[in-house]
């Protein structure tokens, strides 16, 4: 299986979610199933059906998280030495060539991406256009609205 790139913070969030699922949510749903069973006829028991569905979701998510963490390639951006190049984990300050709007993004793994927090997925069109470029370069991004150009103002590894 392919390695899944994650930042240190992203890996910690996935581990915390896995811990929550295993120690809190899984035991809670097991007790909910036991309580629903005590009510009698399972064929017409909506509580039982809902609890079983929730259990299925939790077990699936646990398996998914364990798989991602076992195949994770954890990268600490602060330890990178990419000589000012845009790489996974880098924080990049960009200026839209047309609108002159300045934005800052960190390039992270798919599970960590959150545009509101300035974190873009390594597989996003912007990140793919930035990878390998240096400060001062112009990246052309094929966006749904057409081609947009961004000048790279600064690349940091924080």
C-alpha atoms as a PDB file:
ATOM      1  CA  UNK A   1       0.000   0.000   0.000  1.00  0.00           C
ATOM      2  CA  UNK A   2       1.167   3.548  -0.683  1.00  0.00           C
ATOM      3  CA  UNK A   3       2.524   5.711   2.106  1.00  0.00           C
ATOM      4  CA  UNK A   4       0.114   8.403   3.293  1.00  0.00           C
ATOM      5  CA  UNK A   5       1.869  11.721   3.992  1.00  0.00           C
ATOM      6  CA  UNK A   6       0.881  13.375   7.274  1.00  0.00           C
ATOM      7  CA  UNK A   7       2.292  16.217   9.301  1.00  0.00           C
ATOM      8  CA  UNK A   8       3.077  15.558  12.964  1.00  0.00           C
ATOM      9  CA  UNK A   9      -0.039  17.529  14.017  1.00  0.00           C
ATOM     10  CA  UNK A  10      -2.235  15.643  11.549  1.00  0.00           C
ATOM     11  CA  UNK A  11      -0.998  12.271  12.833  1.00  0.00           C
ATOM     12  CA  UNK A  12      -1.700  13.344  16.426  1.00  0.00           C
ATOM     13  CA  UNK A  13      -5.269  14.342  15.505  1.00  0.00           C
ATOM     14  CA  UNK A  14      -5.884  10.957  13.877  1.00  0.00           C
ATOM     15  CA  UNK A  15      -4.437   9.156  16.925  1.00  0.00           C
ATOM     16  CA  UNK A  16      -6.660  11.215  19.248  1.00  0.00           C
ATOM     17  CA  UNK A  17      -9.749  10.383  17.178  1.00  0.00           C
ATOM     18  CA  UNK A  18      -8.819   6.685  17.198  1.00  0.00           C
ATOM     19  CA  UNK A  19      -8.351   6.756  20.984  1.00  0.00           C
ATOM     20  CA  UNK A  20     -11.753   8.459  21.420  1.00  0.00           C
ATOM     21  CA  UNK A  21     -13.460   5.869  19.227  1.00  0.00           C
ATOM     22  CA  UNK A  22     -11.867   2.905  21.010  1.00  0.00           C
ATOM     23  CA  UNK A  23     -12.179   4.079  24.617  1.00  0.00           C
ATOM     24  CA  UNK A  24     -15.373   6.155  24.649  1.00  0.00           C
ATOM     25  CA  UNK A  25     -17.622   5.618  21.651  1.00  0.00           C
ATOM     26  CA  UNK A  26     -17.147   1.865  21.154  1.00  0.00           C
ATOM     27  CA  UNK A  27     -18.006   0.985  24.810  1.00  0.00           C
ATOM     28  CA  UNK A  28     -20.972   3.406  24.731  1.00  0.00           C
ATOM     29  CA  UNK A  29     -22.475   1.799  21.636  1.00  0.00           C
ATOM     30  CA  UNK A  30     -21.943  -1.702  23.068  1.00  0.00           C
ATOM     31  CA  UNK A  31     -23.897  -0.766  26.174  1.00  0.00           C
ATOM     32  CA  UNK A  32     -26.608   0.859  24.009  1.00  0.00           C
ATOM     33  CA  UNK A  33     -26.961  -2.401  22.059  1.00  0.00           C
ATOM     34  CA  UNK A  34     -27.200  -4.399  25.299  1.00  0.00           C
ATOM     35  CA  UNK A  35     -29.866  -2.020  26.635  1.00  0.00           C
ATOM     36  CA  UNK A  36     -31.858  -2.202  23.383  1.00  0.00           C
ATOM     37  CA  UNK A  37     -31.688  -6.022  23.460  1.00  0.00           C
ATOM     38  CA  UNK A  38     -33.212  -5.974  26.923  1.00  0.00           C
ATOM     39  CA  UNK A  39     -36.340  -4.325  25.486  1.00  0.00           C
ATOM     40  CA  UNK A  40     -37.345  -7.552  23.749  1.00  0.00           C
ATOM     41  CA  UNK A  41     -38.270  -8.193  20.106  1.00  0.00           C
ATOM     42  CA  UNK A  42     -35.297  -7.084  17.991  1.00  0.00           C
ATOM     43  CA  UNK A  43     -37.146  -7.146  14.656  1.00  0.00           C
ATOM     44  CA  UNK A  44     -39.173  -4.034  15.521  1.00  0.00           C
ATOM     45  CA  UNK A  45     -36.671  -2.356  17.828  1.00  0.00           C
ATOM     46  CA  UNK A  46     -35.560   0.985  16.322  1.00  0.00           C
ATOM     47  CA  UNK A  47     -33.093   1.647  19.152  1.00  0.00           C
ATOM     48  CA  UNK A  48     -31.357  -1.661  18.446  1.00  0.00           C
ATOM     49  CA  UNK A  49     -31.159  -0.971  14.703  1.00  0.00           C
ATOM     50  CA  UNK A  50     -29.767   2.526  15.283  1.00  0.00           C
ATOM     51  CA  UNK A  51     -27.186   1.255  17.784  1.00  0.00           C
ATOM     52  CA  UNK A  52     -26.062  -1.515  15.407  1.00  0.00           C
ATOM     53  CA  UNK A  53     -25.734   1.016  12.584  1.00  0.00           C
ATOM     54  CA  UNK A  54     -23.678   3.320  14.825  1.00  0.00           C
ATOM     55  CA  UNK A  55     -21.489   0.371  15.850  1.00  0.00           C
ATOM     56  CA  UNK A  56     -20.879  -0.469  12.202  1.00  0.00           C
ATOM     57  CA  UNK A  57     -19.831   3.128  11.495  1.00  0.00           C
ATOM     58  CA  UNK A  58     -17.480   3.226  14.519  1.00  0.00           C
ATOM     59  CA  UNK A  59     -15.812  -0.094  13.633  1.00  0.00           C
ATOM     60  CA  UNK A  60     -15.368   1.051  10.035  1.00  0.00           C
ATOM     61  CA  UNK A  61     -13.809   4.335  11.095  1.00  0.00           C
ATOM     62  CA  UNK A  62     -11.478   2.548  13.545  1.00  0.00           C
ATOM     63  CA  UNK A  63     -10.291   0.242  10.747  1.00  0.00           C
ATOM     64  CA  UNK A  64      -9.825   3.216   8.409  1.00  0.00           C
ATOM     65  CA  UNK A  65      -7.791   5.200  10.960  1.00  0.00           C
ATOM     66  CA  UNK A  66      -5.636   2.209  11.895  1.00  0.00           C
ATOM     67  CA  UNK A  67      -4.914   1.615   8.207  1.00  0.00           C
ATOM     68  CA  UNK A  68      -3.972   5.242   7.589  1.00  0.00           C
ATOM     69  CA  UNK A  69      -1.743   5.430  10.660  1.00  0.00           C
ATOM     70  CA  UNK A  70       0.012   2.159   9.839  1.00  0.00           C
ATOM     71  CA  UNK A  71       0.805   3.456   6.327  1.00  0.00           C
ATOM     72  CA  UNK A  72       1.582   7.017   7.415  1.00  0.00           C
ATOM     73  CA  UNK A  73       4.761   8.794   6.475  1.00  0.00           C
ATOM     74  CA  UNK A  74       4.948  11.419   9.222  1.00  0.00           C
ATOM     75  CA  UNK A  75       6.793  14.556   8.195  1.00  0.00           C
ATOM     76  CA  UNK A  76       7.817  17.315  10.590  1.00  0.00           C
ATOM     77  CA  UNK A  77       7.857  20.587   8.575  1.00  0.00           C
ATOM     78  CA  UNK A  78      10.209  22.229  11.100  1.00  0.00           C
ATOM     79  CA  UNK A  79      12.909  19.646  10.304  1.00  0.00           C
ATOM     80  CA  UNK A  80      12.697  20.070   6.523  1.00  0.00           C
ATOM     81  CA  UNK A  81      15.649  21.480   4.624  1.00  0.00           C
ATOM     82  CA  UNK A  82      14.331  22.007   1.111  1.00  0.00           C
ATOM     83  CA  UNK A  83      16.363  25.149   0.310  1.00  0.00           C
ATOM     84  CA  UNK A  84      13.290  27.355  -0.089  1.00  0.00           C
ATOM     85  CA  UNK A  85      11.426  24.929  -2.353  1.00  0.00           C
ATOM     86  CA  UNK A  86       7.688  24.249  -1.978  1.00  0.00           C
ATOM     87  CA  UNK A  87       7.349  20.731  -0.552  1.00  0.00           C
ATOM     88  CA  UNK A  88       4.880  18.786   1.584  1.00  0.00           C
ATOM     89  CA  UNK A  89       4.509  20.501   4.970  1.00  0.00           C
ATOM     90  CA  UNK A  90       5.758  23.898   3.759  1.00  0.00           C
ATOM     91  CA  UNK A  91       3.823  27.067   4.536  1.00  0.00           C
ATOM     92  CA  UNK A  92       3.592  29.187   1.404  1.00  0.00           C
ATOM     93  CA  UNK A  93       2.623  32.862   1.087  1.00  0.00           C
ATOM     94  CA  UNK A  94       1.051  33.574  -2.305  1.00  0.00           C
ATOM     95  CA  UNK A  95      -0.152  36.633  -4.160  1.00  0.00           C
ATOM     96  CA  UNK A  96      -2.861  36.298  -6.807  1.00  0.00           C
ATOM     97  CA  UNK A  97      -1.299  38.019  -9.853  1.00  0.00           C
ATOM     98  CA  UNK A  98      -4.677  39.375 -11.024  1.00  0.00           C
ATOM     99  CA  UNK A  99      -6.398  40.487  -7.802  1.00  0.00           C
ATOM    100  CA  UNK A 100      -3.239  41.147  -5.733  1.00  0.00           C
ATOM    101  CA  UNK A 101      -4.861  39.225  -2.854  1.00  0.00           C
ATOM    102  CA  UNK A 102      -2.274  37.633  -0.540  1.00  0.00           C
ATOM    103  CA  UNK A 103      -3.010  34.238   1.055  1.00  0.00           C
ATOM    104  CA  UNK A 104      -0.994  31.794   3.144  1.00  0.00           C
ATOM    105  CA  UNK A 105      -1.406  28.032   2.909  1.00  0.00           C
ATOM    106  CA  UNK A 106       0.291  25.036   4.448  1.00  0.00           C
ATOM    107  CA  UNK A 107       0.529  21.968   2.188  1.00  0.00           C
ATOM    108  CA  UNK A 108      -0.748  18.979   4.200  1.00  0.00           C
ATOM    109  CA  UNK A 109      -2.171  15.485   3.756  1.00  0.00           C
ATOM    110  CA  UNK A 110      -5.689  14.821   2.484  1.00  0.00           C
ATOM    111  CA  UNK A 111      -7.037  14.083   5.985  1.00  0.00           C
ATOM    112  CA  UNK A 112      -5.659  17.324   7.415  1.00  0.00           C
ATOM    113  CA  UNK A 113      -6.863  19.734   4.733  1.00  0.00           C
ATOM    114  CA  UNK A 114      -9.032  22.587   6.011  1.00  0.00           C
ATOM    115  CA  UNK A 115      -9.160  25.677   3.828  1.00  0.00           C
ATOM    116  CA  UNK A 116     -10.574  27.785   6.692  1.00  0.00           C
ATOM    117  CA  UNK A 117      -7.376  27.086   8.659  1.00  0.00           C
ATOM    118  CA  UNK A 118      -5.175  27.710   5.630  1.00  0.00           C
ATOM    119  CA  UNK A 119      -4.327  24.030   5.103  1.00  0.00           C
ATOM    120  CA  UNK A 120      -4.569  22.682   1.562  1.00  0.00           C
ATOM    121  CA  UNK A 121      -4.329  19.064   0.485  1.00  0.00           C
ATOM    122  CA  UNK A 122      -1.207  17.854  -1.294  1.00  0.00           C
ATOM    123  CA  UNK A 123      -3.541  16.555  -4.019  1.00  0.00           C
ATOM    124  CA  UNK A 124      -5.312  19.907  -4.563  1.00  0.00           C
ATOM    125  CA  UNK A 125      -4.712  21.803  -7.818  1.00  0.00           C
ATOM    126  CA  UNK A 126      -2.987  24.679  -5.986  1.00  0.00           C
ATOM    127  CA  UNK A 127      -0.589  22.402  -4.081  1.00  0.00           C
ATOM    128  CA  UNK A 128       0.234  20.373  -7.205  1.00  0.00           C
ATOM    129  CA  UNK A 129       1.095  23.609  -9.025  1.00  0.00           C
ATOM    130  CA  UNK A 130       3.290  24.819  -6.142  1.00  0.00           C
ATOM    131  CA  UNK A 131       5.345  21.674  -5.478  1.00  0.00           C
ATOM    132  CA  UNK A 132       8.959  22.144  -6.550  1.00  0.00           C
ATOM    133  CA  UNK A 133       8.719  25.911  -7.066  1.00  0.00           C
ATOM    134  CA  UNK A 134      10.730  28.569  -5.212  1.00  0.00           C
ATOM    135  CA  UNK A 135      10.012  32.001  -3.763  1.00  0.00           C
ATOM    136  CA  UNK A 136       9.647  34.465  -6.646  1.00  0.00           C
ATOM    137  CA  UNK A 137       8.281  31.835  -9.060  1.00  0.00           C
ATOM    138  CA  UNK A 138       4.811  32.107 -10.577  1.00  0.00           C
ATOM    139  CA  UNK A 139       2.578  29.038 -10.373  1.00  0.00           C
ATOM    140  CA  UNK A 140      -0.237  28.520 -12.851  1.00  0.00           C
ATOM    141  CA  UNK A 141      -3.203  26.790 -11.243  1.00  0.00           C
ATOM    142  CA  UNK A 142      -5.872  25.143 -13.365  1.00  0.00           C
ATOM    143  CA  UNK A 143      -8.932  26.001 -11.251  1.00  0.00           C
ATOM    144  CA  UNK A 144     -12.603  25.313 -12.050  1.00  0.00           C
ATOM    145  CA  UNK A 145     -12.977  28.973 -13.048  1.00  0.00           C
ATOM    146  CA  UNK A 146      -9.997  28.893 -15.395  1.00  0.00           C
ATOM    147  CA  UNK A 147      -6.242  29.345 -15.069  1.00  0.00           C
ATOM    148  CA  UNK A 148      -5.091  31.505 -12.135  1.00  0.00           C
ATOM    149  CA  UNK A 149      -1.572  32.680 -11.520  1.00  0.00           C
ATOM    150  CA  UNK A 150       0.006  32.989  -8.076  1.00  0.00           C
ATOM    151  CA  UNK A 151       3.376  34.506  -7.298  1.00  0.00           C
ATOM    152  CA  UNK A 152       5.159  32.733  -4.456  1.00  0.00           C
ATOM    153  CA  UNK A 153       6.191  35.431  -1.974  1.00  0.00           C
ATOM    154  CA  UNK A 154       7.664  33.254   0.778  1.00  0.00           C
ATOM    155  CA  UNK A 155       8.206  29.591   1.685  1.00  0.00           C
ATOM    156  CA  UNK A 156       8.569  28.636   5.368  1.00  0.00           C
ATOM    157  CA  UNK A 157       9.023  25.333   7.166  1.00  0.00           C
ATOM    158  CA  UNK A 158       7.221  25.757  10.485  1.00  0.00           C
END
